[in-house]
Amino acid sequence: YYQAARFFGKPEIIVRVTSDCPLIDPEILDQTIDFFLNNDFDYASTGRIQSTFPDGLDTEIFKFSALEKAWREAKLPSEREHVTPYIWKNPELFRLGELKNSEDLSHLRWTVDEERDLEFVRAVFRRLYQTGKIFHLRDVLDLLKKNPELTEKNKSIVRDAGYFKSLKEDQK
């Protein structure tokens, strides 16, 4: 991330949305950007510190200067692989913000890490996708209220399992 940001001119602010989050809501993305800009944070997110959004609506916004410091100072493999842990694990070095949802929906899994996740996301897209139209958090929640069986597909998968696996590698 650091090398790419540097290559593209060292932007003052970076918005990070990962490809395993295909249900990202642009309204939440906009809210997170506004939250970041209005509060003089070095880093803000929707779910790294204490998540209240579904897993898969992950948005991170940070200053290039924070990314640069993390790139220079992060030593653990997990901090290097997952880009931002050095930032959010060091609140004494960075001004951190966490956008909270009005309702805790962190038990919902909308990310794609396993086949069962992909089945869930495909089911959502089959029901909600229309060419040229964007669907949002509330649309998916309405769908799940009418079709609660959809959440059964992947609810047993542990949130952030890949990150936890990386933490174990740090111990070696």
C-alpha atoms as a PDB file:
ATOM      1  CA  TYR A   1       0.000   0.000   0.000  1.00  0.00           C
ATOM      2  CA  TYR A   2       2.748   2.409   0.909  1.00  0.00           C
ATOM      3  CA  GLN A   3       4.674   1.814  -2.315  1.00  0.00           C
ATOM      4  CA  ALA A   4       1.494   2.172  -4.406  1.00  0.00           C
ATOM      5  CA  ALA A   5       0.501   5.380  -2.605  1.00  0.00           C
ATOM      6  CA  ARG A   6       3.993   6.734  -3.073  1.00  0.00           C
ATOM      7  CA  PHE A   7       3.951   5.834  -6.769  1.00  0.00           C
ATOM      8  CA  PHE A   8       0.658   7.688  -7.216  1.00  0.00           C
ATOM      9  CA  GLY A   9       1.988  10.919  -5.763  1.00  0.00           C
ATOM     10  CA  LYS A  10       1.747  10.492  -1.992  1.00  0.00           C
ATOM     11  CA  PRO A  11      -1.913  11.484  -1.601  1.00  0.00           C
ATOM     12  CA  GLU A  12      -2.631  13.238   1.667  1.00  0.00           C
ATOM     13  CA  ILE A  13      -5.535  10.876   2.437  1.00  0.00           C
ATOM     14  CA  ILE A  14      -6.047   7.237   1.481  1.00  0.00           C
ATOM     15  CA  VAL A  15      -9.396   5.421   1.426  1.00  0.00           C
ATOM     16  CA  ARG A  16      -8.984   1.660   1.784  1.00  0.00           C
ATOM     17  CA  VAL A  17     -11.727  -0.736   0.750  1.00  0.00           C
ATOM     18  CA  THR A  18     -10.669  -4.326   0.192  1.00  0.00           C
ATOM     19  CA  SER A  19     -11.825  -6.592  -2.608  1.00  0.00           C
ATOM     20  CA  ASP A  20     -13.276  -9.151  -0.195  1.00  0.00           C
ATOM     21  CA  CYS A  21     -16.031  -6.631   0.660  1.00  0.00           C
ATOM     22  CA  PRO A  22     -18.262  -6.617  -2.461  1.00  0.00           C
ATOM     23  CA  LEU A  23     -21.334  -5.355  -0.573  1.00  0.00           C
ATOM     24  CA  ILE A  24     -19.641  -2.112   0.473  1.00  0.00           C
ATOM     25  CA  ASP A  25     -22.208   0.650   0.889  1.00  0.00           C
ATOM     26  CA  PRO A  26     -21.193   3.961  -0.737  1.00  0.00           C
ATOM     27  CA  GLU A  27     -23.288   5.881   1.811  1.00  0.00           C
ATOM     28  CA  ILE A  28     -21.275   4.371   4.664  1.00  0.00           C
ATOM     29  CA  LEU A  29     -18.103   5.095   2.739  1.00  0.00           C
ATOM     30  CA  ASP A  30     -19.157   8.756   2.428  1.00  0.00           C
ATOM     31  CA  GLN A  31     -20.078   8.905   6.134  1.00  0.00           C
ATOM     32  CA  THR A  32     -16.674   7.510   7.080  1.00  0.00           C
ATOM     33  CA  ILE A  33     -14.875  10.037   4.885  1.00  0.00           C
ATOM     34  CA  ASP A  34     -16.887  12.907   6.414  1.00  0.00           C
ATOM     35  CA  PHE A  35     -16.221  11.544   9.921  1.00  0.00           C
ATOM     36  CA  PHE A  36     -12.487  11.426   9.174  1.00  0.00           C
ATOM     37  CA  LEU A  37     -12.321  14.889   7.613  1.00  0.00           C
ATOM     38  CA  ASN A  38     -14.400  16.576  10.326  1.00  0.00           C
ATOM     39  CA  ASN A  39     -12.384  15.229  13.260  1.00  0.00           C
ATOM     40  CA  ASP A  40      -8.689  15.655  12.403  1.00  0.00           C
ATOM     41  CA  PHE A  41      -7.954  11.933  12.691  1.00  0.00           C
ATOM     42  CA  ASP A  42      -4.874  10.156  11.391  1.00  0.00           C
ATOM     43  CA  TYR A  43      -7.010   7.038  10.923  1.00  0.00           C
ATOM     44  CA  ALA A  44     -10.729   6.252  10.940  1.00  0.00           C
ATOM     45  CA  SER A  45     -12.616   3.069  10.173  1.00  0.00           C
ATOM     46  CA  THR A  46     -15.929   1.267  10.399  1.00  0.00           C
ATOM     47  CA  GLY A  47     -14.642  -1.768  12.176  1.00  0.00           C
ATOM     48  CA  ARG A  48     -11.037  -2.125  13.239  1.00  0.00           C
ATOM     49  CA  ILE A  49     -11.270  -0.899  16.816  1.00  0.00           C
ATOM     50  CA  GLN A  50     -14.770  -2.047  17.828  1.00  0.00           C
ATOM     51  CA  SER A  51     -17.024  -3.060  14.987  1.00  0.00           C
ATOM     52  CA  THR A  52     -20.747  -2.328  14.872  1.00  0.00           C
ATOM     53  CA  PHE A  53     -21.164  -2.838  11.117  1.00  0.00           C
ATOM     54  CA  PRO A  54     -21.483  -6.208   9.369  1.00  0.00           C
ATOM     55  CA  ASP A  55     -18.179  -7.845   8.538  1.00  0.00           C
ATOM     56  CA  GLY A  56     -17.739  -6.838   4.914  1.00  0.00           C
ATOM     57  CA  LEU A  57     -18.624  -3.160   5.197  1.00  0.00           C
ATOM     58  CA  ASP A  58     -15.055  -2.397   6.204  1.00  0.00           C
ATOM     59  CA  THR A  59     -13.763   1.035   5.328  1.00  0.00           C
ATOM     60  CA  GLU A  60     -10.482   2.545   6.469  1.00  0.00           C
ATOM     61  CA  ILE A  61      -9.313   6.104   5.878  1.00  0.00           C
ATOM     62  CA  PHE A  62      -5.892   7.310   6.896  1.00  0.00           C
ATOM     63  CA  LYS A  63      -3.317   9.961   6.232  1.00  0.00           C
ATOM     64  CA  PHE A  64      -0.380   9.114   4.016  1.00  0.00           C
ATOM     65  CA  SER A  65       1.864  10.222   6.891  1.00  0.00           C
ATOM     66  CA  ALA A  66       0.334   7.505   9.124  1.00  0.00           C
ATOM     67  CA  LEU A  67       0.816   4.877   6.415  1.00  0.00           C
ATOM     68  CA  GLU A  68       4.404   6.002   5.919  1.00  0.00           C
ATOM     69  CA  LYS A  69       5.143   5.770   9.650  1.00  0.00           C
ATOM     70  CA  ALA A  70       3.574   2.293   9.769  1.00  0.00           C
ATOM     71  CA  TRP A  71       5.563   1.204   6.726  1.00  0.00           C
ATOM     72  CA  ARG A  72       8.811   2.390   8.354  1.00  0.00           C
ATOM     73  CA  GLU A  73       8.168   1.149  11.891  1.00  0.00           C
ATOM     74  CA  ALA A  74       5.961  -1.967  11.657  1.00  0.00           C
ATOM     75  CA  LYS A  75       8.018  -5.070  12.301  1.00  0.00           C
ATOM     76  CA  LEU A  76       5.522  -7.888  12.876  1.00  0.00           C
ATOM     77  CA  PRO A  77       4.440  -9.912   9.829  1.00  0.00           C
ATOM     78  CA  SER A  78       0.763  -9.275  10.695  1.00  0.00           C
ATOM     79  CA  GLU A  79       1.350  -5.515  10.711  1.00  0.00           C
ATOM     80  CA  ARG A  80       3.051  -5.664   7.327  1.00  0.00           C
ATOM     81  CA  GLU A  81       0.542  -8.020   5.677  1.00  0.00           C
ATOM     82  CA  HIS A  82      -2.648  -6.339   6.882  1.00  0.00           C
ATOM     83  CA  VAL A  83      -1.398  -2.760   6.256  1.00  0.00           C
ATOM     84  CA  THR A  84      -3.006  -0.832   9.121  1.00  0.00           C
ATOM     85  CA  PRO A  85      -2.679  -2.810  12.411  1.00  0.00           C
ATOM     86  CA  TYR A  86       0.411  -0.832  13.384  1.00  0.00           C
ATOM     87  CA  ILE A  87      -1.703   2.316  13.176  1.00  0.00           C
ATOM     88  CA  TRP A  88      -4.765   1.173  15.109  1.00  0.00           C
ATOM     89  CA  LYS A  89      -2.735  -0.773  17.685  1.00  0.00           C
ATOM     90  CA  ASN A  90      -0.805   2.384  18.629  1.00  0.00           C
ATOM     91  CA  PRO A  91      -3.340   4.978  19.813  1.00  0.00           C
ATOM     92  CA  GLU A  92      -0.558   6.854  21.594  1.00  0.00           C
ATOM     93  CA  LEU A  93       1.019   7.597  18.190  1.00  0.00           C
ATOM     94  CA  PHE A  94      -2.076   8.238  16.058  1.00  0.00           C
ATOM     95  CA  ARG A  95      -5.422  10.030  16.425  1.00  0.00           C
ATOM     96  CA  LEU A  96      -7.962   7.245  15.848  1.00  0.00           C
ATOM     97  CA  GLY A  97     -11.677   7.340  15.107  1.00  0.00           C
ATOM     98  CA  GLU A  98     -14.285   4.620  14.781  1.00  0.00           C
ATOM     99  CA  LEU A  99     -17.556   5.310  12.992  1.00  0.00           C
ATOM    100  CA  LYS A 100     -20.319   3.526  14.892  1.00  0.00           C
ATOM    101  CA  ASN A 101     -23.504   2.175  13.408  1.00  0.00           C
ATOM    102  CA  SER A 102     -26.723   3.027  15.261  1.00  0.00           C
ATOM    103  CA  GLU A 103     -27.323  -0.704  15.777  1.00  0.00           C
ATOM    104  CA  ASP A 104     -24.710  -3.377  16.476  1.00  0.00           C
ATOM    105  CA  LEU A 105     -24.709  -5.570  13.361  1.00  0.00           C
ATOM    106  CA  SER A 106     -21.234  -7.023  13.871  1.00  0.00           C
ATOM    107  CA  HIS A 107     -22.684 -10.550  14.077  1.00  0.00           C
ATOM    108  CA  LEU A 108     -23.521 -10.401  10.344  1.00  0.00           C
ATOM    109  CA  ARG A 109     -20.964 -11.651   7.828  1.00  0.00           C
ATOM    110  CA  TRP A 110     -20.983 -10.045   4.366  1.00  0.00           C
ATOM    111  CA  THR A 111     -17.337 -10.527   3.397  1.00  0.00           C
ATOM    112  CA  VAL A 112     -15.881 -13.134   1.021  1.00  0.00           C
ATOM    113  CA  ASP A 113     -13.131 -15.298   2.467  1.00  0.00           C
ATOM    114  CA  GLU A 114     -14.604 -18.760   1.949  1.00  0.00           C
ATOM    115  CA  GLU A 115     -16.907 -20.571  -0.478  1.00  0.00           C
ATOM    116  CA  ARG A 116     -19.860 -20.199   1.925  1.00  0.00           C
ATOM    117  CA  ASP A 117     -19.300 -16.433   1.951  1.00  0.00           C
ATOM    118  CA  LEU A 118     -19.358 -16.377  -1.831  1.00  0.00           C
ATOM    119  CA  GLU A 119     -22.634 -18.328  -1.838  1.00  0.00           C
ATOM    120  CA  PHE A 120     -24.149 -15.750   0.514  1.00  0.00           C
ATOM    121  CA  VAL A 121     -22.982 -12.772  -1.564  1.00  0.00           C
ATOM    122  CA  ARG A 122     -24.192 -14.398  -4.782  1.00  0.00           C
ATOM    123  CA  ALA A 123     -27.610 -14.943  -3.196  1.00  0.00           C
ATOM    124  CA  VAL A 124     -27.755 -11.267  -2.200  1.00  0.00           C
ATOM    125  CA  PHE A 125     -26.747 -10.097  -5.677  1.00  0.00           C
ATOM    126  CA  ARG A 126     -29.259 -12.414  -7.373  1.00  0.00           C
ATOM    127  CA  ARG A 127     -32.037 -10.824  -5.351  1.00  0.00           C
ATOM    128  CA  LEU A 128     -30.933  -7.168  -5.204  1.00  0.00           C
ATOM    129  CA  TYR A 129     -28.722  -6.337  -8.170  1.00  0.00           C
ATOM    130  CA  GLN A 130     -30.226  -4.213 -10.946  1.00  0.00           C
ATOM    131  CA  THR A 131     -28.139  -2.682 -13.723  1.00  0.00           C
ATOM    132  CA  GLY A 132     -27.296   0.930 -12.932  1.00  0.00           C
ATOM    133  CA  LYS A 133     -28.701   0.819  -9.393  1.00  0.00           C
ATOM    134  CA  ILE A 134     -26.855   0.664  -6.107  1.00  0.00           C
ATOM    135  CA  PHE A 135     -28.180  -1.221  -3.110  1.00  0.00           C
ATOM    136  CA  HIS A 136     -27.327  -0.259   0.450  1.00  0.00           C
ATOM    137  CA  LEU A 137     -27.041  -1.632   3.977  1.00  0.00           C
ATOM    138  CA  ARG A 138     -30.764  -1.162   4.613  1.00  0.00           C
ATOM    139  CA  ASP A 139     -31.636  -3.068   1.405  1.00  0.00           C
ATOM    140  CA  VAL A 140     -29.557  -6.071   2.461  1.00  0.00           C
ATOM    141  CA  LEU A 141     -31.022  -5.929   5.984  1.00  0.00           C
ATOM    142  CA  ASP A 142     -34.553  -5.896   4.522  1.00  0.00           C
ATOM    143  CA  LEU A 143     -33.651  -8.867   2.323  1.00  0.00           C
ATOM    144  CA  LEU A 144     -32.306 -10.784   5.325  1.00  0.00           C
ATOM    145  CA  LYS A 145     -35.379  -9.987   7.379  1.00  0.00           C
ATOM    146  CA  LYS A 146     -37.527 -11.565   4.637  1.00  0.00           C
ATOM    147  CA  ASN A 147     -35.046 -14.411   4.010  1.00  0.00           C
ATOM    148  CA  PRO A 148     -33.331 -15.177   7.336  1.00  0.00           C
ATOM    149  CA  GLU A 149     -32.105 -18.519   6.009  1.00  0.00           C
ATOM    150  CA  LEU A 150     -29.506 -16.648   3.936  1.00  0.00           C
ATOM    151  CA  THR A 151     -27.505 -15.815   7.068  1.00  0.00           C
ATOM    152  CA  GLU A 152     -27.182 -19.524   7.870  1.00  0.00           C
ATOM    153  CA  LYS A 153     -24.766 -20.030   4.964  1.00  0.00           C
ATOM    154  CA  ASN A 154     -21.729 -18.462   6.630  1.00  0.00           C
ATOM    155  CA  LYS A 155     -22.594 -17.432  10.187  1.00  0.00           C
ATOM    156  CA  SER A 156     -20.248 -19.995  11.760  1.00  0.00           C
ATOM    157  CA  ILE A 157     -17.128 -18.493  10.144  1.00  0.00           C
ATOM    158  CA  VAL A 158     -14.973 -16.547  12.606  1.00  0.00           C
ATOM    159  CA  ARG A 159     -14.598 -12.831  11.908  1.00  0.00           C
ATOM    160  CA  ASP A 160     -11.017 -11.797  11.025  1.00  0.00           C
ATOM    161  CA  ALA A 161      -9.794 -15.418  10.912  1.00  0.00           C
ATOM    162  CA  GLY A 162      -7.046 -14.443   8.449  1.00  0.00           C
ATOM    163  CA  TYR A 163      -5.779 -11.734  10.766  1.00  0.00           C
ATOM    164  CA  PHE A 164      -5.812 -14.121  13.741  1.00  0.00           C
ATOM    165  CA  LYS A 165      -3.824 -16.621  11.664  1.00  0.00           C
ATOM    166  CA  SER A 166      -1.275 -13.878  10.965  1.00  0.00           C
ATOM    167  CA  LEU A 167      -1.037 -13.114  14.688  1.00  0.00           C
ATOM    168  CA  LYS A 168      -0.063 -16.749  15.297  1.00  0.00           C
ATOM    169  CA  GLU A 169       2.677 -16.370  12.688  1.00  0.00           C
ATOM    170  CA  ASP A 170       3.996 -13.396  14.692  1.00  0.00           C
ATOM    171  CA  GLN A 171       4.731 -15.823  17.556  1.00  0.00           C
ATOM    172  CA  LYS A 172       7.190 -17.872  15.473  1.00  0.00           C
END
